[in-house]
Amino acid sequence: MAEIVLTKENFEETVKTNDRVLVDFWATWCGPCRLIAPHVEAIAEKHPEITVGKVNVDDYPELAIKFNIVSIPTLLYFEKGKLIETIVGYHTKEELEKKLF
């Protein structure tokens, strides 16, 4: 499944209406965010059962504040609307998969 852009308008509905959601909080100026992006994309392709979304913290700071995002990249993993896992900083694809599966 392709990654979707999450906004303040579609965030809650996306998290609540999908069984498994991985959210990548990022910014264009963030080097580690650019490094982790291909790993997040690979997870989206390999695991179509997971909805993968991205939140640009510069565009939607209110979402970053709501989830206490103080460092990026931060990945939040939800199951049935409930936050299950928070992953902060750069991780390899293998490390991400180990934490999520």
N, C-alpha and C. Protein backbone atom coordinates (compact mmCIF):
# COMPACT_ATOMS: atom_id res chain seq x y z
N MET A 1 0.85 -1.18 0.00
CA MET A 1 0.00 0.00 0.00
C MET A 1 0.89 1.24 0.00
N ALA A 2 0.51 2.22 -0.72
CA ALA A 2 1.27 3.47 -0.78
C ALA A 2 1.07 4.25 0.52
N GLU A 3 2.06 5.05 0.84
CA GLU A 3 1.95 5.91 2.01
C GLU A 3 0.94 7.02 1.74
N ILE A 4 0.25 7.43 2.79
CA ILE A 4 -0.70 8.52 2.63
C ILE A 4 -0.24 9.71 3.47
N VAL A 5 -0.60 10.89 3.03
CA VAL A 5 -0.29 12.10 3.78
C VAL A 5 -1.38 12.28 4.82
N LEU A 6 -0.97 12.34 6.08
CA LEU A 6 -1.93 12.54 7.15
C LEU A 6 -1.95 14.01 7.54
N THR A 7 -3.15 14.50 7.76
CA THR A 7 -3.37 15.90 8.13
C THR A 7 -4.24 15.93 9.38
N LYS A 8 -4.44 17.13 9.91
CA LYS A 8 -5.32 17.23 11.08
C LYS A 8 -6.75 16.84 10.70
N GLU A 9 -7.09 16.93 9.43
CA GLU A 9 -8.45 16.58 8.99
C GLU A 9 -8.66 15.07 8.86
N ASN A 10 -7.63 14.31 8.50
CA ASN A 10 -7.84 12.88 8.25
C ASN A 10 -7.12 11.95 9.23
N PHE A 11 -6.36 12.50 10.17
CA PHE A 11 -5.55 11.67 11.07
C PHE A 11 -6.42 10.73 11.91
N GLU A 12 -7.34 11.29 12.67
CA GLU A 12 -8.16 10.48 13.59
C GLU A 12 -8.93 9.40 12.86
N GLU A 13 -9.56 9.76 11.75
CA GLU A 13 -10.34 8.78 10.99
C GLU A 13 -9.45 7.66 10.47
N THR A 14 -8.27 8.01 9.97
CA THR A 14 -7.34 7.00 9.44
C THR A 14 -6.93 6.03 10.54
N VAL A 15 -6.57 6.54 11.70
CA VAL A 15 -6.11 5.68 12.79
C VAL A 15 -7.24 4.81 13.33
N LYS A 16 -8.44 5.37 13.39
CA LYS A 16 -9.57 4.64 13.98
C LYS A 16 -10.22 3.64 13.03
N THR A 17 -10.13 3.87 11.72
CA THR A 17 -10.84 3.01 10.78
C THR A 17 -9.96 1.94 10.14
N ASN A 18 -8.69 1.93 10.46
CA ASN A 18 -7.77 0.91 9.94
C ASN A 18 -7.25 0.09 11.11
N ASP A 19 -7.13 -1.22 10.91
CA ASP A 19 -6.68 -2.10 12.00
C ASP A 19 -5.27 -1.79 12.45
N ARG A 20 -4.36 -1.56 11.50
CA ARG A 20 -2.95 -1.33 11.83
C ARG A 20 -2.46 -0.12 11.06
N VAL A 21 -1.90 0.84 11.79
CA VAL A 21 -1.45 2.08 11.17
C VAL A 21 -0.06 2.44 11.71
N LEU A 22 0.85 2.73 10.79
CA LEU A 22 2.18 3.21 11.14
C LEU A 22 2.27 4.66 10.67
N VAL A 23 2.56 5.57 11.59
CA VAL A 23 2.62 7.00 11.28
C VAL A 23 4.06 7.49 11.44
N ASP A 24 4.57 8.10 10.40
CA ASP A 24 5.92 8.66 10.37
C ASP A 24 5.82 10.17 10.54
N PHE A 25 6.28 10.69 11.69
CA PHE A 25 6.37 12.13 11.90
C PHE A 25 7.75 12.58 11.42
N TRP A 26 7.77 13.52 10.48
CA TRP A 26 9.00 13.89 9.80
C TRP A 26 8.97 15.37 9.40
N ALA A 27 10.08 15.84 8.82
CA ALA A 27 10.17 17.18 8.23
C ALA A 27 11.17 17.13 7.09
N THR A 28 11.00 18.02 6.13
CA THR A 28 11.86 18.02 4.94
C THR A 28 13.31 18.33 5.28
N TRP A 29 13.56 19.11 6.31
CA TRP A 29 14.91 19.53 6.69
C TRP A 29 15.63 18.50 7.56
N CYS A 30 14.97 17.43 7.92
CA CYS A 30 15.50 16.44 8.86
C CYS A 30 16.27 15.34 8.13
N GLY A 31 17.60 15.32 8.32
CA GLY A 31 18.45 14.31 7.69
C GLY A 31 18.08 12.88 8.06
N PRO A 32 17.95 12.55 9.35
CA PRO A 32 17.56 11.19 9.72
C PRO A 32 16.19 10.79 9.17
N CYS A 33 15.31 11.77 8.99
CA CYS A 33 13.99 11.48 8.40
C CYS A 33 14.16 11.00 6.96
N ARG A 34 15.06 11.64 6.23
CA ARG A 34 15.31 11.23 4.84
C ARG A 34 15.96 9.85 4.78
N LEU A 35 16.78 9.53 5.80
CA LEU A 35 17.43 8.22 5.83
C LEU A 35 16.45 7.09 6.14
N ILE A 36 15.49 7.35 7.01
CA ILE A 36 14.56 6.31 7.41
C ILE A 36 13.41 6.14 6.41
N ALA A 37 13.15 7.17 5.60
CA ALA A 37 12.02 7.16 4.67
C ALA A 37 12.00 5.92 3.77
N PRO A 38 13.12 5.50 3.16
CA PRO A 38 13.06 4.30 2.32
C PRO A 38 12.68 3.04 3.10
N HIS A 39 13.05 2.98 4.37
CA HIS A 39 12.69 1.82 5.20
C HIS A 39 11.18 1.80 5.46
N VAL A 40 10.63 2.97 5.73
CA VAL A 40 9.19 3.08 5.96
C VAL A 40 8.44 2.72 4.67
N GLU A 41 8.94 3.19 3.54
CA GLU A 41 8.33 2.86 2.24
C GLU A 41 8.39 1.36 1.98
N ALA A 42 9.51 0.73 2.32
CA ALA A 42 9.66 -0.72 2.13
C ALA A 42 8.67 -1.49 3.00
N ILE A 43 8.47 -1.02 4.22
CA ILE A 43 7.49 -1.67 5.10
C ILE A 43 6.09 -1.53 4.50
N ALA A 44 5.78 -0.36 3.96
CA ALA A 44 4.47 -0.14 3.33
C ALA A 44 4.25 -1.10 2.17
N GLU A 45 5.29 -1.33 1.38
CA GLU A 45 5.17 -2.24 0.23
C GLU A 45 5.11 -3.69 0.66
N LYS A 46 5.91 -4.06 1.64
CA LYS A 46 6.00 -5.46 2.08
C LYS A 46 4.80 -5.88 2.92
N HIS A 47 4.17 -4.94 3.61
CA HIS A 47 3.07 -5.24 4.53
C HIS A 47 1.82 -4.44 4.15
N PRO A 48 1.12 -4.86 3.11
CA PRO A 48 -0.06 -4.10 2.67
C PRO A 48 -1.18 -4.08 3.70
N GLU A 49 -1.10 -4.95 4.71
CA GLU A 49 -2.12 -4.96 5.76
C GLU A 49 -1.97 -3.78 6.72
N ILE A 50 -0.85 -3.07 6.61
CA ILE A 50 -0.59 -1.90 7.46
C ILE A 50 -0.80 -0.63 6.65
N THR A 51 -1.59 0.28 7.18
CA THR A 51 -1.73 1.59 6.57
C THR A 51 -0.57 2.44 7.05
N VAL A 52 0.17 3.01 6.12
CA VAL A 52 1.34 3.82 6.47
C VAL A 52 1.06 5.27 6.06
N GLY A 53 1.19 6.15 7.05
CA GLY A 53 0.95 7.57 6.80
C GLY A 53 2.11 8.41 7.28
N LYS A 54 2.20 9.62 6.71
CA LYS A 54 3.28 10.54 7.07
C LYS A 54 2.66 11.86 7.52
N VAL A 55 3.22 12.42 8.59
CA VAL A 55 2.82 13.72 9.09
C VAL A 55 4.04 14.64 9.05
N ASN A 56 3.95 15.69 8.26
CA ASN A 56 5.01 16.70 8.24
C ASN A 56 4.78 17.61 9.44
N VAL A 57 5.71 17.57 10.39
CA VAL A 57 5.53 18.32 11.64
C VAL A 57 5.53 19.83 11.42
N ASP A 58 6.13 20.30 10.34
CA ASP A 58 6.10 21.73 10.04
C ASP A 58 4.72 22.16 9.56
N ASP A 59 4.03 21.28 8.85
CA ASP A 59 2.69 21.58 8.34
C ASP A 59 1.61 21.36 9.39
N TYR A 60 1.82 20.39 10.29
CA TYR A 60 0.80 20.03 11.28
C TYR A 60 1.41 19.93 12.68
N PRO A 61 1.92 21.06 13.19
CA PRO A 61 2.53 21.03 14.53
C PRO A 61 1.55 20.61 15.62
N GLU A 62 0.27 20.85 15.41
CA GLU A 62 -0.72 20.47 16.42
C GLU A 62 -0.77 18.94 16.61
N LEU A 63 -0.52 18.18 15.55
CA LEU A 63 -0.46 16.72 15.69
C LEU A 63 0.80 16.30 16.43
N ALA A 64 1.91 16.97 16.15
CA ALA A 64 3.15 16.68 16.87
C ALA A 64 2.99 16.99 18.35
N ILE A 65 2.34 18.07 18.68
CA ILE A 65 2.11 18.44 20.08
C ILE A 65 1.19 17.42 20.75
N LYS A 66 0.12 17.04 20.06
CA LYS A 66 -0.84 16.09 20.62
C LYS A 66 -0.16 14.78 21.03
N PHE A 67 0.81 14.33 20.26
CA PHE A 67 1.48 13.06 20.53
C PHE A 67 2.86 13.24 21.17
N ASN A 68 3.12 14.45 21.68
CA ASN A 68 4.38 14.74 22.39
C ASN A 68 5.62 14.39 21.57
N ILE A 69 5.58 14.72 20.30
CA ILE A 69 6.73 14.48 19.42
C ILE A 69 7.74 15.58 19.69
N VAL A 70 8.88 15.20 20.27
CA VAL A 70 9.92 16.19 20.57
C VAL A 70 11.18 15.94 19.75
N SER A 71 11.23 14.82 19.04
CA SER A 71 12.37 14.49 18.21
C SER A 71 11.86 13.75 16.98
N ILE A 72 12.45 14.06 15.83
CA ILE A 72 12.05 13.34 14.62
C ILE A 72 13.28 12.72 13.98
N PRO A 73 13.09 11.63 13.27
CA PRO A 73 11.82 10.98 13.01
C PRO A 73 11.28 10.25 14.24
N THR A 74 9.96 10.25 14.35
CA THR A 74 9.27 9.43 15.33
C THR A 74 8.19 8.66 14.59
N LEU A 75 8.16 7.36 14.83
CA LEU A 75 7.14 6.49 14.25
C LEU A 75 6.19 6.06 15.36
N LEU A 76 4.90 6.20 15.11
CA LEU A 76 3.88 5.71 16.03
C LEU A 76 3.15 4.57 15.36
N TYR A 77 2.99 3.46 16.09
CA TYR A 77 2.30 2.30 15.55
C TYR A 77 1.01 2.08 16.35
N PHE A 78 -0.12 2.09 15.63
CA PHE A 78 -1.43 1.92 16.23
C PHE A 78 -2.06 0.59 15.79
N GLU A 79 -2.75 -0.06 16.69
CA GLU A 79 -3.59 -1.22 16.36
C GLU A 79 -4.98 -0.93 16.89
N LYS A 80 -5.95 -0.97 15.97
CA LYS A 80 -7.36 -0.71 16.30
C LYS A 80 -7.52 0.60 17.08
N GLY A 81 -6.80 1.63 16.64
CA GLY A 81 -6.92 2.95 17.23
C GLY A 81 -6.11 3.18 18.49
N LYS A 82 -5.43 2.17 18.97
CA LYS A 82 -4.66 2.28 20.22
C LYS A 82 -3.17 2.32 19.92
N LEU A 83 -2.47 3.28 20.54
CA LEU A 83 -1.03 3.41 20.35
C LEU A 83 -0.33 2.23 21.00
N ILE A 84 0.44 1.48 20.21
CA ILE A 84 1.11 0.27 20.67
C ILE A 84 2.61 0.49 20.84
N GLU A 85 3.22 1.22 19.92
CA GLU A 85 4.68 1.35 19.91
C GLU A 85 5.07 2.74 19.45
N THR A 86 6.11 3.30 20.08
CA THR A 86 6.71 4.56 19.67
C THR A 86 8.19 4.29 19.39
N ILE A 87 8.63 4.68 18.20
CA ILE A 87 10.02 4.48 17.79
C ILE A 87 10.60 5.84 17.44
N VAL A 88 11.64 6.23 18.16
CA VAL A 88 12.24 7.56 17.98
C VAL A 88 13.62 7.41 17.37
N GLY A 89 13.90 8.23 16.37
CA GLY A 89 15.22 8.26 15.76
C GLY A 89 15.36 7.30 14.59
N TYR A 90 16.53 7.33 14.01
CA TYR A 90 16.82 6.47 12.86
C TYR A 90 16.99 5.02 13.30
N HIS A 91 16.40 4.11 12.54
CA HIS A 91 16.57 2.66 12.73
C HIS A 91 16.66 2.01 11.35
N THR A 92 17.38 0.91 11.27
CA THR A 92 17.43 0.17 10.01
C THR A 92 16.08 -0.48 9.75
N LYS A 93 15.88 -0.92 8.54
CA LYS A 93 14.63 -1.61 8.20
C LYS A 93 14.47 -2.86 9.06
N GLU A 94 15.53 -3.58 9.28
CA GLU A 94 15.48 -4.80 10.08
C GLU A 94 15.08 -4.49 11.52
N GLU A 95 15.65 -3.41 12.08
CA GLU A 95 15.29 -3.01 13.44
C GLU A 95 13.83 -2.61 13.53
N LEU A 96 13.35 -1.89 12.52
CA LEU A 96 11.94 -1.50 12.52
C LEU A 96 11.03 -2.71 12.46
N GLU A 97 11.34 -3.63 11.57
CA GLU A 97 10.51 -4.83 11.45
C GLU A 97 10.52 -5.65 12.73
N LYS A 98 11.65 -5.72 13.40
CA LYS A 98 11.74 -6.47 14.65
C LYS A 98 10.85 -5.84 15.72
N LYS A 99 10.81 -4.50 15.76
CA LYS A 99 9.99 -3.80 16.74
C LYS A 99 8.50 -3.90 16.43
N LEU A 100 8.17 -3.97 15.14
CA LEU A 100 6.76 -3.93 14.74
C LEU A 100 6.13 -5.31 14.56
N PHE A 101 6.95 -6.34 14.31
CA PHE A 101 6.35 -7.63 14.00
C PHE A 101 6.85 -8.72 14.90
